[in-house]
C-alpha atoms as a PDB file:
ATOM      1  CA  MET A   1       0.000   0.000   0.000  1.00  0.00           C
ATOM      2  CA  THR A   2       1.139   3.504  -0.692  1.00  0.00           C
ATOM      3  CA  GLU A   3       1.055   6.388   1.786  1.00  0.00           C
ATOM      4  CA  GLU A   4      -1.909   7.780  -0.196  1.00  0.00           C
ATOM      5  CA  ALA A   5      -4.058   4.753   0.636  1.00  0.00           C
ATOM      6  CA  PRO A   6      -6.823   5.705   3.051  1.00  0.00           C
ATOM      7  CA  ARG A   7      -6.826   5.286   6.801  1.00  0.00           C
ATOM      8  CA  LEU A   8     -10.478   4.830   7.762  1.00  0.00           C
ATOM      9  CA  VAL A   9     -12.125   4.438  11.162  1.00  0.00           C
ATOM     10  CA  VAL A  10     -15.719   3.212  11.226  1.00  0.00           C
ATOM     11  CA  MET A  11     -16.997   4.806  14.431  1.00  0.00           C
ATOM     12  CA  GLY A  12     -20.080   5.037  16.605  1.00  0.00           C
ATOM     13  CA  VAL A  13     -21.662   3.562  19.688  1.00  0.00           C
ATOM     14  CA  SER A  14     -22.056  -0.137  20.296  1.00  0.00           C
ATOM     15  CA  GLY A  15     -24.668  -1.769  18.093  1.00  0.00           C
ATOM     16  CA  CYS A  16     -24.321   0.631  15.152  1.00  0.00           C
ATOM     17  CA  GLY A  17     -22.681  -2.010  12.944  1.00  0.00           C
ATOM     18  CA  LYS A  18     -19.055  -0.874  12.960  1.00  0.00           C
ATOM     19  CA  SER A  19     -17.640  -4.360  12.400  1.00  0.00           C
ATOM     20  CA  THR A  20     -20.192  -5.418   9.782  1.00  0.00           C
ATOM     21  CA  ILE A  21     -19.878  -2.184   7.810  1.00  0.00           C
ATOM     22  CA  GLY A  22     -16.109  -2.001   8.267  1.00  0.00           C
ATOM     23  CA  ARG A  23     -15.582  -5.518   6.903  1.00  0.00           C
ATOM     24  CA  ALA A  24     -17.915  -4.914   3.948  1.00  0.00           C
ATOM     25  CA  LEU A  25     -16.294  -1.562   3.140  1.00  0.00           C
ATOM     26  CA  ALA A  26     -12.789  -3.018   3.334  1.00  0.00           C
ATOM     27  CA  GLU A  27     -13.792  -5.878   1.054  1.00  0.00           C
ATOM     28  CA  ALA A  28     -15.468  -3.540  -1.454  1.00  0.00           C
ATOM     29  CA  GLU A  29     -12.442  -1.237  -1.596  1.00  0.00           C
ATOM     30  CA  GLY A  30      -9.673  -3.865  -1.368  1.00  0.00           C
ATOM     31  CA  LEU A  31      -8.476  -2.643   2.029  1.00  0.00           C
ATOM     32  CA  ARG A  32      -7.363  -4.425   5.203  1.00  0.00           C
ATOM     33  CA  PHE A  33      -9.910  -4.668   8.048  1.00  0.00           C
ATOM     34  CA  VAL A  34      -9.123  -4.639  11.771  1.00  0.00           C
ATOM     35  CA  ASP A  35     -11.812  -4.985  14.427  1.00  0.00           C
ATOM     36  CA  GLY A  36     -10.823  -2.572  17.191  1.00  0.00           C
ATOM     37  CA  ASP A  37     -12.480  -4.850  19.755  1.00  0.00           C
ATOM     38  CA  SER A  38      -9.675  -7.349  19.119  1.00  0.00           C
ATOM     39  CA  LEU A  39      -7.169  -4.733  20.350  1.00  0.00           C
ATOM     40  CA  HIS A  40      -8.803  -4.209  23.758  1.00  0.00           C
ATOM     41  CA  PRO A  41      -6.752  -5.376  26.739  1.00  0.00           C
ATOM     42  CA  GLN A  42      -8.412  -8.287  28.539  1.00  0.00           C
ATOM     43  CA  ALA A  43      -9.055  -6.052  31.571  1.00  0.00           C
ATOM     44  CA  ASN A  44     -11.219  -3.749  29.411  1.00  0.00           C
ATOM     45  CA  ILE A  45     -13.211  -6.665  28.033  1.00  0.00           C
ATOM     46  CA  GLU A  46     -13.791  -8.044  31.520  1.00  0.00           C
ATOM     47  CA  LYS A  47     -14.845  -4.628  32.822  1.00  0.00           C
ATOM     48  CA  MET A  48     -17.383  -4.107  30.044  1.00  0.00           C
ATOM     49  CA  ALA A  49     -18.660  -7.683  30.370  1.00  0.00           C
ATOM     50  CA  ARG A  50     -19.431  -6.885  34.025  1.00  0.00           C
ATOM     51  CA  GLY A  51     -21.536  -3.956  32.805  1.00  0.00           C
ATOM     52  CA  ALA A  52     -19.071  -1.262  33.885  1.00  0.00           C
ATOM     53  CA  PRO A  53     -18.352   1.507  31.374  1.00  0.00           C
ATOM     54  CA  LEU A  54     -14.755   2.225  30.451  1.00  0.00           C
ATOM     55  CA  GLU A  55     -13.150   5.408  31.758  1.00  0.00           C
ATOM     56  CA  ASP A  56     -10.689   7.516  29.783  1.00  0.00           C
ATOM     57  CA  GLU A  57      -7.732   5.893  31.549  1.00  0.00           C
ATOM     58  CA  ASP A  58      -9.042   2.470  30.408  1.00  0.00           C
ATOM     59  CA  ARG A  59      -9.411   3.624  26.823  1.00  0.00           C
ATOM     60  CA  LEU A  60      -6.135   5.482  26.259  1.00  0.00           C
ATOM     61  CA  PRO A  61      -3.818   2.448  25.874  1.00  0.00           C
ATOM     62  CA  TRP A  62      -6.421   0.845  23.599  1.00  0.00           C
ATOM     63  CA  LEU A  63      -6.692   4.008  21.477  1.00  0.00           C
ATOM     64  CA  ASP A  64      -2.901   3.972  21.082  1.00  0.00           C
ATOM     65  CA  LEU A  65      -3.099   0.403  19.751  1.00  0.00           C
ATOM     66  CA  VAL A  66      -5.872   1.437  17.352  1.00  0.00           C
ATOM     67  CA  GLY A  67      -3.778   4.337  16.064  1.00  0.00           C
ATOM     68  CA  ASP A  68      -0.701   2.127  15.724  1.00  0.00           C
ATOM     69  CA  ALA A  69      -2.697  -0.423  13.695  1.00  0.00           C
ATOM     70  CA  LEU A  70      -4.153   2.254  11.409  1.00  0.00           C
ATOM     71  CA  ARG A  71      -1.699   1.998   8.545  1.00  0.00           C
ATOM     72  CA  PRO A  72      -2.413   3.162   4.992  1.00  0.00           C
ATOM     73  CA  GLY A  73      -4.992   0.927   3.347  1.00  0.00           C
ATOM     74  CA  THR A  74      -6.665  -0.006   6.624  1.00  0.00           C
ATOM     75  CA  VAL A  75     -10.232   0.179   7.877  1.00  0.00           C
ATOM     76  CA  ILE A  76     -10.633  -0.127  11.663  1.00  0.00           C
ATOM     77  CA  ALA A  77     -13.897  -0.479  13.566  1.00  0.00           C
ATOM     78  CA  CYS A  78     -13.523   1.625  16.724  1.00  0.00           C
ATOM     79  CA  SER A  79     -16.089   3.542  18.772  1.00  0.00           C
ATOM     80  CA  ALA A  80     -13.942   6.735  18.813  1.00  0.00           C
ATOM     81  CA  LEU A  81     -16.688   8.358  20.880  1.00  0.00           C
ATOM     82  CA  LYS A  82     -14.950  11.612  21.843  1.00  0.00           C
ATOM     83  CA  ARG A  83     -13.030  14.127  19.792  1.00  0.00           C
ATOM     84  CA  ALA A  84     -10.063  13.677  22.149  1.00  0.00           C
ATOM     85  CA  TYR A  85     -10.076   9.956  21.306  1.00  0.00           C
ATOM     86  CA  ARG A  86     -10.153  10.686  17.571  1.00  0.00           C
ATOM     87  CA  ASP A  87      -7.329  13.208  17.977  1.00  0.00           C
ATOM     88  CA  ARG A  88      -5.271  10.569  19.789  1.00  0.00           C
ATOM     89  CA  ILE A  89      -5.926   8.010  17.040  1.00  0.00           C
ATOM     90  CA  ARG A  90      -4.951  10.551  14.343  1.00  0.00           C
ATOM     91  CA  GLU A  91      -1.759  11.429  16.204  1.00  0.00           C
ATOM     92  CA  ARG A  92      -0.735   7.777  16.631  1.00  0.00           C
ATOM     93  CA  ALA A  93      -1.631   6.904  13.032  1.00  0.00           C
ATOM     94  CA  GLY A  94       0.797   9.529  11.770  1.00  0.00           C
ATOM     95  CA  GLY A  95      -1.231  10.386   8.686  1.00  0.00           C
ATOM     96  CA  SER A  96      -4.605  11.615   7.576  1.00  0.00           C
ATOM     97  CA  VAL A  97      -7.566   9.675   8.925  1.00  0.00           C
ATOM     98  CA  VAL A  98     -11.210   9.838   7.855  1.00  0.00           C
ATOM     99  CA  PHE A  99     -13.866   8.824  10.372  1.00  0.00           C
ATOM    100  CA  LEU A 100     -16.983   7.096   9.079  1.00  0.00           C
ATOM    101  CA  PHE A 101     -19.669   7.927  11.633  1.00  0.00           C
ATOM    102  CA  LEU A 102     -22.542   5.458  11.940  1.00  0.00           C
ATOM    103  CA  HIS A 103     -25.514   6.775  13.887  1.00  0.00           C
ATOM    104  CA  GLY A 104     -29.100   5.809  14.537  1.00  0.00           C
ATOM    105  CA  ARG A 105     -32.002   5.872  16.930  1.00  0.00           C
ATOM    106  CA  ARG A 106     -31.509   4.414  20.416  1.00  0.00           C
ATOM    107  CA  GLU A 107     -34.293   1.870  19.791  1.00  0.00           C
ATOM    108  CA  THR A 108     -32.548   0.569  16.671  1.00  0.00           C
ATOM    109  CA  LEU A 109     -29.211   0.346  18.461  1.00  0.00           C
ATOM    110  CA  MET A 110     -30.702  -1.486  21.451  1.00  0.00           C
ATOM    111  CA  ALA A 111     -32.548  -3.949  19.219  1.00  0.00           C
ATOM    112  CA  ARG A 112     -29.301  -4.777  17.433  1.00  0.00           C
ATOM    113  CA  MET A 113     -27.440  -5.227  20.700  1.00  0.00           C
ATOM    114  CA  ASP A 114     -30.177  -7.523  21.997  1.00  0.00           C
ATOM    115  CA  GLU A 115     -29.938  -9.686  18.852  1.00  0.00           C
ATOM    116  CA  ARG A 116     -26.206 -10.292  18.817  1.00  0.00           C
ATOM    117  CA  GLU A 117     -24.702 -13.282  20.537  1.00  0.00           C
ATOM    118  CA  GLY A 118     -21.324 -13.753  22.151  1.00  0.00           C
ATOM    119  CA  HIS A 119     -20.339 -10.083  22.377  1.00  0.00           C
ATOM    120  CA  PHE A 120     -18.825  -8.820  25.624  1.00  0.00           C
ATOM    121  CA  MET A 121     -20.638  -5.448  25.520  1.00  0.00           C
ATOM    122  CA  PRO A 122     -24.042  -5.654  27.232  1.00  0.00           C
ATOM    123  CA  GLY A 123     -26.947  -3.448  26.171  1.00  0.00           C
ATOM    124  CA  THR A 124     -26.903  -1.863  29.611  1.00  0.00           C
ATOM    125  CA  LEU A 125     -23.864   0.169  28.512  1.00  0.00           C
ATOM    126  CA  LEU A 126     -25.568   1.755  25.500  1.00  0.00           C
ATOM    127  CA  ASP A 127     -26.832   4.785  27.403  1.00  0.00           C
ATOM    128  CA  SER A 128     -23.366   5.506  28.825  1.00  0.00           C
ATOM    129  CA  GLN A 129     -21.942   5.384  25.295  1.00  0.00           C
ATOM    130  CA  LEU A 130     -24.657   7.684  23.977  1.00  0.00           C
ATOM    131  CA  ALA A 131     -23.931  10.110  26.828  1.00  0.00           C
ATOM    132  CA  THR A 132     -20.199  10.033  26.018  1.00  0.00           C
ATOM    133  CA  LEU A 133     -20.621  10.387  22.243  1.00  0.00           C
ATOM    134  CA  GLU A 134     -19.335  13.581  20.656  1.00  0.00           C
ATOM    135  CA  PRO A 135     -20.264  13.369  16.963  1.00  0.00           C
ATOM    136  CA  PRO A 136     -17.510  14.525  14.599  1.00  0.00           C
ATOM    137  CA  SER A 137     -17.331  18.281  14.111  1.00  0.00           C
ATOM    138  CA  GLU A 138     -17.316  19.939  10.707  1.00  0.00           C
ATOM    139  CA  ASP A 139     -13.544  20.487  10.987  1.00  0.00           C
ATOM    140  CA  GLU A 140     -12.904  16.738  11.423  1.00  0.00           C
ATOM    141  CA  PRO A 141     -12.570  14.691   8.223  1.00  0.00           C
ATOM    142  CA  HIS A 142     -15.617  12.437   8.328  1.00  0.00           C
ATOM    143  CA  VAL A 143     -18.544  10.942   6.455  1.00  0.00           C
ATOM    144  CA  SER A 144     -21.809  10.163   8.268  1.00  0.00           C
ATOM    145  CA  ALA A 145     -24.423   7.512   7.566  1.00  0.00           C
ATOM    146  CA  ASP A 146     -27.682   6.622   9.284  1.00  0.00           C
ATOM    147  CA  ILE A 147     -27.876   2.926  10.149  1.00  0.00           C
ATOM    148  CA  ASP A 148     -31.591   2.663   9.340  1.00  0.00           C
ATOM    149  CA  GLN A 149     -30.889   0.985   5.996  1.00  0.00           C
ATOM    150  CA  ALA A 150     -29.372  -2.229   4.653  1.00  0.00           C
ATOM    151  CA  PRO A 151     -25.611  -2.730   5.151  1.00  0.00           C
ATOM    152  CA  ASP A 152     -24.886  -2.594   1.404  1.00  0.00           C
ATOM    153  CA  GLU A 153     -26.704   0.749   1.191  1.00  0.00           C
ATOM    154  CA  ILE A 154     -24.677   2.098   4.132  1.00  0.00           C
ATOM    155  CA  VAL A 155     -21.426   0.976   2.509  1.00  0.00           C
ATOM    156  CA  ALA A 156     -22.451   2.565  -0.817  1.00  0.00           C
ATOM    157  CA  ARG A 157     -23.305   5.828   0.971  1.00  0.00           C
ATOM    158  CA  LEU A 158     -19.941   5.847   2.775  1.00  0.00           C
ATOM    159  CA  ILE A 159     -17.996   5.107  -0.416  1.00  0.00           C
ATOM    160  CA  ALA A 160     -19.848   7.889  -2.232  1.00  0.00           C
ATOM    161  CA  GLY A 161     -19.087  10.267   0.642  1.00  0.00           C
ATOM    162  CA  LEU A 162     -15.411   9.314   0.571  1.00  0.00           C
ATOM    163  CA  ARG A 163     -15.225   9.891  -3.168  1.00  0.00           C
ATOM    164  CA  ARG A 164     -16.827  13.328  -2.758  1.00  0.00           C
ATOM    165  CA  ARG A 165     -14.095  14.193  -0.251  1.00  0.00           C
ATOM    166  CA  THR A 166     -11.315  13.527  -2.770  1.00  0.00           C
END
């Protein structure tokens, strides 16, 4: 991959489809996919599984790993809930990063969380994530998509938004 290849972070609260959309986008564009959940330290996973929300001090080492993994030609699924988190990821990545912000209604998010099996993040943490969420500002490189549509439509919308940016 060249340095010009994109560094993309599919972001949003739990249940928005970051992993599903990230994988599909990476496949459609011939990019590498990394699920940010796989980079969490075991202590973070255990904390969330107990229903306890992560604090900034829990997230910072994880965000560093996300930024380190975000090489050119990579799509990473990562909540990136606060601007400070996105700034940290950008700094660690050492290049331009575009955030792909997936958002939707609380009811839709909760329904998706209730349907998934084997994930460490319980639905009880959704409200804490929604309270923490700082959507990307206009000065942050990003593309937004509502999750109230089929995954292939979301991916097409994100790809179109990325192409408009270039």
